[in-house]
Amino acid sequence: MPRCEGSTKAGNRCKRAAREGSRFCSAHEDSAMNTAEESARETNRAKSDTSRNRRESECVQRDVFDAVFGLAAAGVVIVVALTLRRFIRIF
């Protein structure tokens, strides 16, 4: 039988035999499941953070686009107003 892949509190590798169909002995099988569940939670949390960062990035891009578009529109209005002022003398 293969040796358990778990580790002791001191950090040494477990000396027990692994259970049949598992990589761990009965003492470490539960901790291995907890570690796997924690790992899955961390992966899900990382995916969630990535999608949140992507959404925030898209919002920032939209805000920048809106600001630039607003400035461009204001520039067009100013150019039109100056042109009208030059030719019509309304200001």
Protein backbone atom coordinates (compact mmCIF):
# COMPACT_ATOMS: atom_id res chain seq x y z
CA MET A 1 0.00 0.00 0.00
CA PRO A 2 1.20 3.50 -0.69
CA ARG A 3 2.20 5.79 2.12
CA CYS A 4 -0.11 8.59 3.33
CA GLU A 5 0.64 11.99 1.76
CA GLY A 6 -0.50 13.88 4.86
CA SER A 7 1.84 15.65 7.22
CA THR A 8 2.11 15.76 10.98
CA LYS A 9 1.81 18.89 13.12
CA ALA A 10 5.60 19.02 13.19
CA GLY A 11 5.63 19.11 9.39
CA ASN A 12 6.96 15.60 8.83
CA ARG A 13 5.32 13.23 6.40
CA CYS A 14 2.82 10.77 7.91
CA LYS A 15 4.18 7.23 8.33
CA ARG A 16 0.81 5.47 8.03
CA ALA A 17 -0.42 3.60 4.99
CA ALA A 18 -2.95 5.37 2.78
CA ARG A 19 -6.51 4.03 2.69
CA GLU A 20 -7.50 2.02 -0.33
CA GLY A 21 -8.50 4.33 -3.19
CA SER A 22 -7.16 7.41 -1.38
CA ARG A 23 -3.86 9.21 -1.03
CA PHE A 24 -4.36 9.71 2.73
CA CYS A 25 -4.79 7.64 5.88
CA SER A 26 -7.97 7.87 7.96
CA ALA A 27 -6.46 10.58 10.17
CA HIS A 28 -5.53 12.87 7.28
CA GLU A 29 -8.41 12.16 4.90
CA ASP A 30 -10.71 14.69 6.61
CA SER A 31 -8.03 17.39 6.67
CA ALA A 32 -7.32 16.70 2.98
CA MET A 33 -11.01 17.23 2.18
CA ASN A 34 -11.02 20.46 4.17
CA THR A 35 -7.90 21.60 2.33
CA ALA A 36 -9.50 20.75 -1.03
CA GLU A 37 -12.66 22.65 -0.08
CA GLU A 38 -10.59 25.65 1.02
CA SER A 39 -8.67 25.51 -2.23
CA ALA A 40 -11.94 25.44 -4.22
CA ARG A 41 -13.25 28.40 -2.20
CA GLU A 42 -10.03 30.33 -2.85
CA THR A 43 -10.31 29.58 -6.57
CA ASN A 44 -13.92 30.79 -6.64
CA ARG A 45 -12.98 33.89 -4.66
CA ALA A 46 -10.15 34.65 -7.12
CA LYS A 47 -12.53 34.23 -10.07
CA SER A 48 -15.02 36.54 -8.35
CA ASP A 49 -12.31 39.14 -7.74
CA THR A 50 -11.21 38.89 -11.37
CA SER A 51 -14.72 39.43 -12.70
CA ARG A 52 -15.26 42.30 -10.23
CA ASN A 53 -11.99 43.91 -11.39
CA ARG A 54 -13.05 43.46 -15.02
CA ARG A 55 -16.41 45.15 -14.33
CA GLU A 56 -14.68 48.00 -12.49
CA SER A 57 -12.24 48.40 -15.38
CA GLU A 58 -15.12 48.54 -17.87
CA CYS A 59 -16.84 51.20 -15.73
CA VAL A 60 -13.66 53.28 -15.65
CA GLN A 61 -13.30 52.95 -19.41
CA ARG A 62 -16.90 54.10 -19.88
CA ASP A 63 -16.34 57.03 -17.53
CA VAL A 64 -13.22 58.08 -19.43
CA PHE A 65 -15.05 57.75 -22.75
CA ASP A 66 -17.97 59.82 -21.43
CA ALA A 67 -15.59 62.50 -20.16
CA VAL A 68 -13.69 62.68 -23.46
CA PHE A 69 -16.91 62.68 -25.45
CA GLY A 70 -18.28 65.45 -23.23
CA LEU A 71 -15.13 67.52 -23.71
CA ALA A 72 -15.26 66.97 -27.46
CA ALA A 73 -18.90 68.04 -27.55
CA ALA A 74 -18.06 71.13 -25.49
CA GLY A 75 -15.20 71.90 -27.87
CA VAL A 76 -17.55 71.69 -30.84
CA VAL A 77 -19.99 74.04 -29.13
CA ILE A 78 -17.18 76.52 -28.42
CA VAL A 79 -15.91 76.38 -31.99
CA VAL A 80 -19.42 76.96 -33.34
CA ALA A 81 -19.98 79.83 -30.92
CA LEU A 82 -16.66 81.49 -31.86
CA THR A 83 -17.43 81.05 -35.54
CA LEU A 84 -20.85 82.62 -35.10
CA ARG A 85 -19.32 85.43 -33.07
CA ARG A 86 -16.80 86.13 -35.81
CA PHE A 87 -19.27 86.22 -38.67
CA ILE A 88 -22.46 87.38 -37.00
CA ARG A 89 -21.06 89.45 -34.14
CA ILE A 90 -23.67 88.22 -31.65
CA PHE A 91 -21.37 88.14 -28.62
